[in-house]
PDB file of N, CA and C in Angstrom:
ATOM      1  N   MET A   1      32.911  74.856  -3.219  1.00  0.00           N
ATOM      2  CA  MET A   1      31.505  74.789  -2.840  1.00  0.00           C
ATOM      3  C   MET A   1      31.444  74.567  -1.329  1.00  0.00           C
ATOM      4  N   SER A   2      30.664  75.397  -0.662  1.00  0.00           N
ATOM      5  CA  SER A   2      30.566  75.303   0.791  1.00  0.00           C
ATOM      6  C   SER A   2      29.584  74.206   1.215  1.00  0.00           C
ATOM      7  N   ARG A   3      29.670  73.837   2.480  1.00  0.00           N
ATOM      8  CA  ARG A   3      28.747  72.840   3.027  1.00  0.00           C
ATOM      9  C   ARG A   3      27.293  73.334   2.884  1.00  0.00           C
ATOM     10  N   GLU A   4      27.077  74.609   3.120  1.00  0.00           N
ATOM     11  CA  GLU A   4      25.736  75.178   2.998  1.00  0.00           C
ATOM     12  C   GLU A   4      25.220  75.068   1.560  1.00  0.00           C
ATOM     13  N   GLU A   5      26.075  75.341   0.592  1.00  0.00           N
ATOM     14  CA  GLU A   5      25.677  75.215  -0.818  1.00  0.00           C
ATOM     15  C   GLU A   5      25.348  73.763  -1.163  1.00  0.00           C
ATOM     16  N   ILE A   6      26.124  72.840  -0.628  1.00  0.00           N
ATOM     17  CA  ILE A   6      25.869  71.422  -0.856  1.00  0.00           C
ATOM     18  C   ILE A   6      24.538  71.019  -0.234  1.00  0.00           C
ATOM     19  N   CYS A   7      24.280  71.459   0.986  1.00  0.00           N
ATOM     20  CA  CYS A   7      22.999  71.160   1.648  1.00  0.00           C
ATOM     21  C   CYS A   7      21.839  71.697   0.822  1.00  0.00           C
ATOM     22  N   ASN A   8      21.985  72.902   0.301  1.00  0.00           N
ATOM     23  CA  ASN A   8      20.922  73.496  -0.511  1.00  0.00           C
ATOM     24  C   ASN A   8      20.714  72.707  -1.804  1.00  0.00           C
ATOM     25  N   LEU A   9      21.797  72.302  -2.442  1.00  0.00           N
ATOM     26  CA  LEU A   9      21.699  71.495  -3.666  1.00  0.00           C
ATOM     27  C   LEU A   9      20.930  70.202  -3.396  1.00  0.00           C
ATOM     28  N   ILE A  10      21.266  69.535  -2.311  1.00  0.00           N
ATOM     29  CA  ILE A  10      20.591  68.282  -1.953  1.00  0.00           C
ATOM     30  C   ILE A  10      19.119  68.542  -1.657  1.00  0.00           C
ATOM     31  N   ARG A  11      18.838  69.584  -0.902  1.00  0.00           N
ATOM     32  CA  ARG A  11      17.454  69.925  -0.549  1.00  0.00           C
ATOM     33  C   ARG A  11      16.618  70.166  -1.812  1.00  0.00           C
ATOM     34  N   VAL A  12      17.148  70.986  -2.711  1.00  0.00           N
ATOM     35  CA  VAL A  12      16.422  71.286  -3.949  1.00  0.00           C
ATOM     36  C   VAL A  12      16.235  70.020  -4.777  1.00  0.00           C
ATOM     37  N   PHE A  13      17.280  69.216  -4.890  1.00  0.00           N
ATOM     38  CA  PHE A  13      17.183  67.993  -5.685  1.00  0.00           C
ATOM     39  C   PHE A  13      16.107  67.057  -5.143  1.00  0.00           C
ATOM     40  N   PHE A  14      16.131  66.807  -3.839  1.00  0.00           N
ATOM     41  CA  PHE A  14      15.156  65.885  -3.254  1.00  0.00           C
ATOM     42  C   PHE A  14      13.725  66.424  -3.337  1.00  0.00           C
ATOM     43  N   THR A  15      13.560  67.719  -3.155  1.00  0.00           N
ATOM     44  CA  THR A  15      12.193  68.260  -3.210  1.00  0.00           C
ATOM     45  C   THR A  15      11.667  68.293  -4.639  1.00  0.00           C
ATOM     46  N   GLU A  16      12.517  68.629  -5.599  1.00  0.00           N
ATOM     47  CA  GLU A  16      12.064  68.703  -6.995  1.00  0.00           C
ATOM     48  C   GLU A  16      11.986  67.337  -7.655  1.00  0.00           C
ATOM     49  N   GLU A  17      13.014  66.527  -7.475  1.00  0.00           N
ATOM     50  CA  GLU A  17      13.096  65.249  -8.188  1.00  0.00           C
ATOM     51  C   GLU A  17      12.215  64.166  -7.561  1.00  0.00           C
ATOM     52  N   PHE A  18      12.177  64.131  -6.235  1.00  0.00           N
ATOM     53  CA  PHE A  18      11.452  63.059  -5.554  1.00  0.00           C
ATOM     54  C   PHE A  18      10.220  63.549  -4.804  1.00  0.00           C
ATOM     55  N   GLU A  19       9.958  64.871  -4.901  1.00  0.00           N
ATOM     56  CA  GLU A  19       8.782  65.478  -4.264  1.00  0.00           C
ATOM     57  C   GLU A  19       8.723  65.189  -2.762  1.00  0.00           C
ATOM     58  N   ILE A  20       9.886  65.261  -2.137  1.00  0.00           N
ATOM     59  CA  ILE A  20       9.982  65.067  -0.688  1.00  0.00           C
ATOM     60  C   ILE A  20       9.863  66.436  -0.030  1.00  0.00           C
ATOM     61  N   PRO A  21       8.940  66.584   0.913  1.00  0.00           N
ATOM     62  CA  PRO A  21       8.807  67.874   1.599  1.00  0.00           C
ATOM     63  C   PRO A  21      10.112  68.269   2.288  1.00  0.00           C
ATOM     64  N   ALA A  22      10.458  69.538   2.181  1.00  0.00           N
ATOM     65  CA  ALA A  22      11.718  70.037   2.738  1.00  0.00           C
ATOM     66  C   ALA A  22      11.845  69.746   4.228  1.00  0.00           C
ATOM     67  N   GLU A  23      10.735  69.770   4.949  1.00  0.00           N
ATOM     68  CA  GLU A  23      10.805  69.538   6.402  1.00  0.00           C
ATOM     69  C   GLU A  23      11.227  68.111   6.752  1.00  0.00           C
ATOM     70  N   LYS A  24      11.127  67.189   5.807  1.00  0.00           N
ATOM     71  CA  LYS A  24      11.575  65.810   6.043  1.00  0.00           C
ATOM     72  C   LYS A  24      13.071  65.639   5.811  1.00  0.00           C
ATOM     73  N   LEU A  25      13.691  66.615   5.191  1.00  0.00           N
ATOM     74  CA  LEU A  25      15.099  66.510   4.815  1.00  0.00           C
ATOM     75  C   LEU A  25      16.018  66.963   5.948  1.00  0.00           C
ATOM     76  N   VAL A  26      15.904  66.279   7.059  1.00  0.00           N
ATOM     77  CA  VAL A  26      16.770  66.543   8.212  1.00  0.00           C
ATOM     78  C   VAL A  26      18.013  65.665   8.085  1.00  0.00           C
ATOM     79  N   PRO A  27      19.128  66.076   8.692  1.00  0.00           N
ATOM     80  CA  PRO A  27      20.379  65.322   8.528  1.00  0.00           C
ATOM     81  C   PRO A  27      20.276  63.837   8.859  1.00  0.00           C
ATOM     82  N   GLU A  28      19.488  63.494   9.881  1.00  0.00           N
ATOM     83  CA  GLU A  28      19.430  62.087  10.284  1.00  0.00           C
ATOM     84  C   GLU A  28      18.389  61.264   9.521  1.00  0.00           C
ATOM     85  N   ALA A  29      17.684  61.872   8.573  1.00  0.00           N
ATOM     86  CA  ALA A  29      16.671  61.136   7.803  1.00  0.00           C
ATOM     87  C   ALA A  29      17.338  60.050   6.965  1.00  0.00           C
ATOM     88  N   ASN A  30      16.841  58.821   7.120  1.00  0.00           N
ATOM     89  CA  ASN A  30      17.345  57.696   6.340  1.00  0.00           C
ATOM     90  C   ASN A  30      16.745  57.774   4.941  1.00  0.00           C
ATOM     91  N   LEU A  31      17.594  57.661   3.929  1.00  0.00           N
ATOM     92  CA  LEU A  31      17.141  57.797   2.549  1.00  0.00           C
ATOM     93  C   LEU A  31      16.094  56.760   2.180  1.00  0.00           C
ATOM     94  N   PHE A  32      16.214  55.585   2.744  1.00  0.00           N
ATOM     95  CA  PHE A  32      15.364  54.481   2.319  1.00  0.00           C
ATOM     96  C   PHE A  32      14.149  54.285   3.224  1.00  0.00           C
ATOM     97  N   THR A  33      14.339  54.345   4.524  1.00  0.00           N
ATOM     98  CA  THR A  33      13.205  54.100   5.413  1.00  0.00           C
ATOM     99  C   THR A  33      12.393  55.367   5.687  1.00  0.00           C
ATOM    100  N   ASP A  34      13.070  56.508   5.861  1.00  0.00           N
ATOM    101  CA  ASP A  34      12.354  57.745   6.170  1.00  0.00           C
ATOM    102  C   ASP A  34      11.873  58.483   4.921  1.00  0.00           C
ATOM    103  N   LEU A  35      12.677  58.447   3.862  1.00  0.00           N
ATOM    104  CA  LEU A  35      12.348  59.210   2.658  1.00  0.00           C
ATOM    105  C   LEU A  35      11.811  58.340   1.528  1.00  0.00           C
ATOM    106  N   ALA A  36      11.761  57.035   1.757  1.00  0.00           N
ATOM    107  CA  ALA A  36      11.166  56.067   0.818  1.00  0.00           C
ATOM    108  C   ALA A  36      11.829  56.042  -0.559  1.00  0.00           C
ATOM    109  N   LEU A  37      13.143  56.250  -0.600  1.00  0.00           N
ATOM    110  CA  LEU A  37      13.852  56.107  -1.868  1.00  0.00           C
ATOM    111  C   LEU A  37      14.102  54.627  -2.124  1.00  0.00           C
ATOM    112  N   ASP A  38      14.237  54.273  -3.384  1.00  0.00           N
ATOM    113  CA  ASP A  38      14.590  52.897  -3.732  1.00  0.00           C
ATOM    114  C   ASP A  38      15.919  52.915  -4.480  1.00  0.00           C
ATOM    115  N   SER A  39      16.351  51.774  -4.939  1.00  0.00           N
ATOM    116  CA  SER A  39      17.666  51.681  -5.578  1.00  0.00           C
ATOM    117  C   SER A  39      17.743  52.504  -6.863  1.00  0.00           C
ATOM    118  N   ILE A  40      16.653  52.599  -7.602  1.00  0.00           N
ATOM    119  CA  ILE A  40      16.632  53.421  -8.820  1.00  0.00           C
ATOM    120  C   ILE A  40      16.782  54.895  -8.452  1.00  0.00           C
ATOM    121  N   ASP A  41      16.102  55.313  -7.383  1.00  0.00           N
ATOM    122  CA  ASP A  41      16.235  56.692  -6.914  1.00  0.00           C
ATOM    123  C   ASP A  41      17.684  56.986  -6.516  1.00  0.00           C
ATOM    124  N   ALA A  42      18.319  56.025  -5.859  1.00  0.00           N
ATOM    125  CA  ALA A  42      19.710  56.201  -5.449  1.00  0.00           C
ATOM    126  C   ALA A  42      20.609  56.384  -6.670  1.00  0.00           C
ATOM    127  N   LEU A  43      20.349  55.634  -7.724  1.00  0.00           N
ATOM    128  CA  LEU A  43      21.132  55.785  -8.958  1.00  0.00           C
ATOM    129  C   LEU A  43      20.883  57.139  -9.603  1.00  0.00           C
ATOM    130  N   ASP A  44      19.636  57.611  -9.570  1.00  0.00           N
ATOM    131  CA  ASP A  44      19.320  58.946 -10.085  1.00  0.00           C
ATOM    132  C   ASP A  44      20.092  60.012  -9.310  1.00  0.00           C
ATOM    133  N   MET A  45      20.147  59.841  -7.992  1.00  0.00           N
ATOM    134  CA  MET A  45      20.873  60.779  -7.146  1.00  0.00           C
ATOM    135  C   MET A  45      22.354  60.783  -7.512  1.00  0.00           C
ATOM    136  N   VAL A  46      22.930  59.614  -7.682  1.00  0.00           N
ATOM    137  CA  VAL A  46      24.341  59.498  -8.048  1.00  0.00           C
ATOM    138  C   VAL A  46      24.598  60.181  -9.393  1.00  0.00           C
ATOM    139  N   GLY A  47      23.725  59.941 -10.354  1.00  0.00           N
ATOM    140  CA  GLY A  47      23.883  60.567 -11.669  1.00  0.00           C
ATOM    141  C   GLY A  47      23.882  62.084 -11.573  1.00  0.00           C
ATOM    142  N   MET A  48      22.970  62.632 -10.768  1.00  0.00           N
ATOM    143  CA  MET A  48      22.905  64.074 -10.592  1.00  0.00           C
ATOM    144  C   MET A  48      24.184  64.586  -9.937  1.00  0.00           C
ATOM    145  N   LEU A  49      24.628  63.909  -8.877  1.00  0.00           N
ATOM    146  CA  LEU A  49      25.831  64.349  -8.173  1.00  0.00           C
ATOM    147  C   LEU A  49      27.049  64.342  -9.095  1.00  0.00           C
ATOM    148  N   GLU A  50      27.190  63.276  -9.852  1.00  0.00           N
ATOM    149  CA  GLU A  50      28.333  63.168 -10.750  1.00  0.00           C
ATOM    150  C   GLU A  50      28.295  64.251 -11.822  1.00  0.00           C
ATOM    151  N   ALA A  51      27.119  64.507 -12.376  1.00  0.00           N
ATOM    152  CA  ALA A  51      27.000  65.502 -13.437  1.00  0.00           C
ATOM    153  C   ALA A  51      27.153  66.932 -12.913  1.00  0.00           C
ATOM    154  N   ARG A  52      26.481  67.248 -11.830  1.00  0.00           N
ATOM    155  CA  ARG A  52      26.486  68.621 -11.313  1.00  0.00           C
ATOM    156  C   ARG A  52      27.795  69.005 -10.646  1.00  0.00           C
ATOM    157  N   LEU A  53      28.457  68.037 -10.014  1.00  0.00           N
ATOM    158  CA  LEU A  53      29.633  68.358  -9.207  1.00  0.00           C
ATOM    159  C   LEU A  53      30.933  67.838  -9.792  1.00  0.00           C
ATOM    160  N   ASP A  54      30.848  67.163 -10.935  1.00  0.00           N
ATOM    161  CA  ASP A  54      32.037  66.617 -11.585  1.00  0.00           C
ATOM    162  C   ASP A  54      32.838  65.747 -10.615  1.00  0.00           C
ATOM    163  N   ILE A  55      32.121  64.807  -9.986  1.00  0.00           N
ATOM    164  CA  ILE A  55      32.754  63.850  -9.087  1.00  0.00           C
ATOM    165  C   ILE A  55      32.379  62.446  -9.538  1.00  0.00           C
ATOM    166  N   GLU A  56      33.114  61.473  -9.048  1.00  0.00           N
ATOM    167  CA  GLU A  56      32.779  60.072  -9.322  1.00  0.00           C
ATOM    168  C   GLU A  56      32.379  59.424  -8.007  1.00  0.00           C
ATOM    169  N   VAL A  57      31.201  58.797  -8.010  1.00  0.00           N
ATOM    170  CA  VAL A  57      30.716  58.088  -6.832  1.00  0.00           C
ATOM    171  C   VAL A  57      30.953  56.606  -7.074  1.00  0.00           C
ATOM    172  N   ARG A  58      31.843  56.045  -6.264  1.00  0.00           N
ATOM    173  CA  ARG A  58      32.153  54.622  -6.427  1.00  0.00           C
ATOM    174  C   ARG A  58      31.047  53.777  -5.792  1.00  0.00           C
ATOM    175  N   GLU A  59      30.810  52.609  -6.379  1.00  0.00           N
ATOM    176  CA  GLU A  59      29.754  51.719  -5.899  1.00  0.00           C
ATOM    177  C   GLU A  59      29.944  51.345  -4.433  1.00  0.00           C
ATOM    178  N   GLU A  60      31.180  51.070  -4.034  1.00  0.00           N
ATOM    179  CA  GLU A  60      31.408  50.692  -2.641  1.00  0.00           C
ATOM    180  C   GLU A  60      31.138  51.861  -1.690  1.00  0.00           C
ATOM    181  N   ASP A  61      31.353  53.092  -2.162  1.00  0.00           N
ATOM    182  CA  ASP A  61      31.028  54.268  -1.346  1.00  0.00           C
ATOM    183  C   ASP A  61      29.513  54.420  -1.208  1.00  0.00           C
ATOM    184  N   LEU A  62      28.809  54.168  -2.273  1.00  0.00           N
ATOM    185  CA  LEU A  62      27.358  54.307  -2.270  1.00  0.00           C
ATOM    186  C   LEU A  62      26.717  53.410  -1.205  1.00  0.00           C
ATOM    187  N   LYS A  63      27.315  52.259  -0.982  1.00  0.00           N
ATOM    188  CA  LYS A  63      26.773  51.316   0.009  1.00  0.00           C
ATOM    189  C   LYS A  63      26.838  51.866   1.429  1.00  0.00           C
ATOM    190  N   THR A  64      27.691  52.857   1.677  1.00  0.00           N
ATOM    191  CA  THR A  64      27.829  53.423   3.020  1.00  0.00           C
ATOM    192  C   THR A  64      26.928  54.635   3.246  1.00  0.00           C
ATOM    193  N   ILE A  65      26.289  55.123   2.210  1.00  0.00           N
ATOM    194  CA  ILE A  65      25.456  56.325   2.307  1.00  0.00           C
ATOM    195  C   ILE A  65      24.031  55.918   2.647  1.00  0.00           C
ATOM    196  N   ARG A  66      23.594  56.316   3.829  1.00  0.00           N
ATOM    197  CA  ARG A  66      22.260  55.924   4.309  1.00  0.00           C
ATOM    198  C   ARG A  66      21.384  57.106   4.706  1.00  0.00           C
ATOM    199  N   THR A  67      21.990  58.221   5.090  1.00  0.00           N
ATOM    200  CA  THR A  67      21.214  59.361   5.578  1.00  0.00           C
ATOM    201  C   THR A  67      21.519  60.609   4.749  1.00  0.00           C
ATOM    202  N   VAL A  68      20.702  61.628   4.940  1.00  0.00           N
ATOM    203  CA  VAL A  68      20.944  62.907   4.273  1.00  0.00           C
ATOM    204  C   VAL A  68      22.321  63.431   4.686  1.00  0.00           C
ATOM    205  N   ARG A  69      22.672  63.298   5.950  1.00  0.00           N
ATOM    206  CA  ARG A  69      23.988  63.738   6.421  1.00  0.00           C
ATOM    207  C   ARG A  69      25.102  62.985   5.695  1.00  0.00           C
ATOM    208  N   ASP A  70      24.919  61.677   5.491  1.00  0.00           N
ATOM    209  CA  ASP A  70      25.929  60.891   4.765  1.00  0.00           C
ATOM    210  C   ASP A  70      26.146  61.449   3.363  1.00  0.00           C
ATOM    211  N   VAL A  71      25.065  61.836   2.699  1.00  0.00           N
ATOM    212  CA  VAL A  71      25.172  62.395   1.340  1.00  0.00           C
ATOM    213  C   VAL A  71      25.991  63.678   1.383  1.00  0.00           C
ATOM    214  N   VAL A  72      25.630  64.574   2.290  1.00  0.00           N
ATOM    215  CA  VAL A  72      26.324  65.859   2.392  1.00  0.00           C
ATOM    216  C   VAL A  72      27.793  65.652   2.756  1.00  0.00           C
ATOM    217  N   ASP A  73      28.063  64.792   3.739  1.00  0.00           N
ATOM    218  CA  ASP A  73      29.448  64.529   4.143  1.00  0.00           C
ATOM    219  C   ASP A  73      30.257  63.957   2.987  1.00  0.00           C
ATOM    220  N   TYR A  74      29.664  63.043   2.249  1.00  0.00           N
ATOM    221  CA  TYR A  74      30.357  62.410   1.129  1.00  0.00           C
ATOM    222  C   TYR A  74      30.700  63.451   0.063  1.00  0.00           C
ATOM    223  N   ILE A  75      29.730  64.293  -0.273  1.00  0.00           N
ATOM    224  CA  ILE A  75      29.976  65.314  -1.294  1.00  0.00           C
ATOM    225  C   ILE A  75      31.062  66.274  -0.823  1.00  0.00           C
ATOM    226  N   CYS A  76      31.005  66.681   0.436  1.00  0.00           N
ATOM    227  CA  CYS A  76      32.034  67.581   0.971  1.00  0.00           C
ATOM    228  C   CYS A  76      33.420  66.975   0.814  1.00  0.00           C
ATOM    229  N   ARG A  77      33.557  65.688   1.150  1.00  0.00           N
ATOM    230  CA  ARG A  77      34.852  65.014   1.016  1.00  0.00           C
ATOM    231  C   ARG A  77      35.302  64.972  -0.438  1.00  0.00           C
ATOM    232  N   LYS A  78      34.397  64.623  -1.337  1.00  0.00           N
ATOM    233  CA  LYS A  78      34.755  64.502  -2.756  1.00  0.00           C
ATOM    234  C   LYS A  78      35.136  65.854  -3.350  1.00  0.00           C
ATOM    235  N   VAL A  79      34.417  66.900  -2.982  1.00  0.00           N
ATOM    236  CA  VAL A  79      34.725  68.236  -3.485  1.00  0.00           C
ATOM    237  C   VAL A  79      36.092  68.681  -2.954  1.00  0.00           C
ATOM    238  N   GLU A  80      36.358  68.388  -1.686  1.00  0.00           N
ATOM    239  CA  GLU A  80      37.649  68.729  -1.102  1.00  0.00           C
ATOM    240  C   GLU A  80      38.775  67.964  -1.791  1.00  0.00           C
ATOM    241  N   GLU A  81      38.567  66.672  -2.036  1.00  0.00           N
ATOM    242  CA  GLU A  81      39.580  65.850  -2.719  1.00  0.00           C
ATOM    243  C   GLU A  81      39.849  66.398  -4.120  1.00  0.00           C
ATOM    244  N   ARG A  82      38.793  66.786  -4.807  1.00  0.00           N
ATOM    245  CA  ARG A  82      38.946  67.319  -6.164  1.00  0.00           C
ATOM    246  C   ARG A  82      39.771  68.601  -6.140  1.00  0.00           C
ATOM    247  N   GLY A  83      39.557  69.420  -5.093  1.00  0.00           N
ATOM    248  CA  GLY A  83      40.294  70.658  -4.957  1.00  0.00           C
ATOM    249  C   GLY A  83      41.778  70.453  -4.729  1.00  0.00           C
ATOM    250  N   LYS A  84      42.141  69.319  -4.122  1.00  0.00           N
ATOM    251  CA  LYS A  84      43.536  69.001  -3.829  1.00  0.00           C
ATOM    252  C   LYS A  84      44.254  68.365  -5.020  1.00  0.00           C
ATOM    253  N   ALA A  85      43.475  67.867  -5.955  1.00  0.00           N
ATOM    254  CA  ALA A  85      44.082  67.144  -7.097  1.00  0.00           C
ATOM    255  C   ALA A  85      44.760  68.082  -8.069  1.00  0.00           C
TER     256      ALA A  85
END
Protein backbone atom coordinates (compact mmCIF):
# COMPACT_ATOMS: atom_id res chain seq x y z
CA MET A 1 0.00 0.00 0.00
CA SER A 2 1.46 3.33 -1.04
CA ARG A 3 1.62 6.49 1.05
CA GLU A 4 -0.95 8.06 -1.28
CA GLU A 5 -3.35 5.14 -0.76
CA ILE A 6 -2.91 5.44 3.00
CA CYS A 7 -3.59 9.20 2.87
CA ASN A 8 -6.74 8.54 0.85
CA LEU A 9 -7.91 5.85 3.29
CA ILE A 10 -7.45 8.25 6.22
CA ARG A 11 -9.18 11.09 4.36
CA VAL A 12 -12.20 8.94 3.50
CA PHE A 13 -12.40 7.52 7.01
CA PHE A 14 -12.31 10.91 8.73
CA THR A 15 -14.80 12.51 6.35
CA GLU A 16 -17.27 9.60 6.46
CA GLU A 17 -16.91 8.45 10.06
CA PHE A 18 -16.39 11.77 11.83
CA GLU A 19 -17.89 14.14 9.22
CA ILE A 20 -14.71 16.21 9.12
CA PRO A 21 -14.45 18.38 6.01
CA ALA A 22 -11.65 17.19 3.72
CA GLU A 23 -10.07 20.65 3.68
CA LYS A 24 -9.37 20.34 7.43
CA LEU A 25 -7.43 17.11 6.94
CA VAL A 26 -4.03 18.70 6.43
CA PRO A 27 -0.91 16.84 7.62
CA GLU A 28 -0.30 19.18 10.56
CA ALA A 29 -3.91 19.08 11.84
CA ASN A 30 -4.00 17.94 15.46
CA LEU A 31 -6.50 15.12 15.91
CA PHE A 32 -7.76 16.45 19.21
CA THR A 33 -7.51 20.23 19.12
CA ASP A 34 -8.01 20.91 15.39
CA LEU A 35 -10.30 18.02 14.45
CA ALA A 36 -12.10 17.71 17.82
CA LEU A 37 -11.66 13.95 18.19
CA ASP A 38 -11.96 12.43 21.64
CA SER A 39 -10.59 9.23 23.14
CA ILE A 40 -13.55 7.16 21.88
CA ASP A 41 -12.95 8.50 18.36
CA ALA A 42 -9.29 7.53 18.67
CA LEU A 43 -10.31 3.98 19.60
CA ASP A 44 -12.68 3.86 16.62
CA MET A 45 -9.81 4.95 14.39
CA VAL A 46 -7.54 2.24 15.82
CA GLY A 47 -10.22 -0.40 15.29
CA MET A 48 -10.62 0.62 11.65
CA LEU A 49 -6.86 0.64 11.05
CA GLU A 50 -6.39 -2.77 12.62
CA ALA A 51 -9.29 -4.29 10.68
CA ARG A 52 -8.64 -2.70 7.29
CA LEU A 53 -4.86 -3.00 7.27
CA ASP A 54 -4.29 -6.13 9.36
CA ILE A 55 -1.96 -4.31 11.74
CA GLU A 56 -1.77 -4.06 15.51
CA VAL A 57 -1.68 -0.62 17.10
CA ARG A 58 -0.02 -0.79 20.48
CA GLU A 59 -1.33 1.46 23.25
CA GLU A 60 2.06 3.07 23.81
CA ASP A 61 2.26 3.89 20.08
CA LEU A 62 -1.18 5.45 20.15
CA LYS A 63 0.01 7.93 22.77
CA THR A 64 2.52 9.36 20.26
CA ILE A 65 -0.02 9.94 17.47
CA ARG A 66 -1.25 13.52 17.55
CA THR A 67 -1.58 14.75 13.96
CA VAL A 68 -2.89 13.49 10.64
CA ARG A 69 0.75 13.15 9.53
CA ASP A 70 1.49 11.00 12.60
CA VAL A 71 -1.34 8.65 11.60
CA VAL A 72 -0.08 8.33 8.03
CA ASP A 73 3.55 7.90 9.12
CA TYR A 74 2.58 5.25 11.66
CA ILE A 75 0.55 3.27 9.14
CA CYS A 76 3.37 3.47 6.58
CA ARG A 77 5.81 2.06 9.14
CA LYS A 78 3.45 -0.74 10.19
CA VAL A 79 2.67 -1.73 6.60
CA GLU A 80 6.39 -1.76 5.80
CA GLU A 81 7.14 -3.87 8.90
CA ARG A 82 4.40 -6.32 7.94
CA GLY A 83 5.92 -6.62 4.47
CA LYS A 84 9.29 -7.57 5.97
CA ALA A 85 7.86 -10.21 8.29
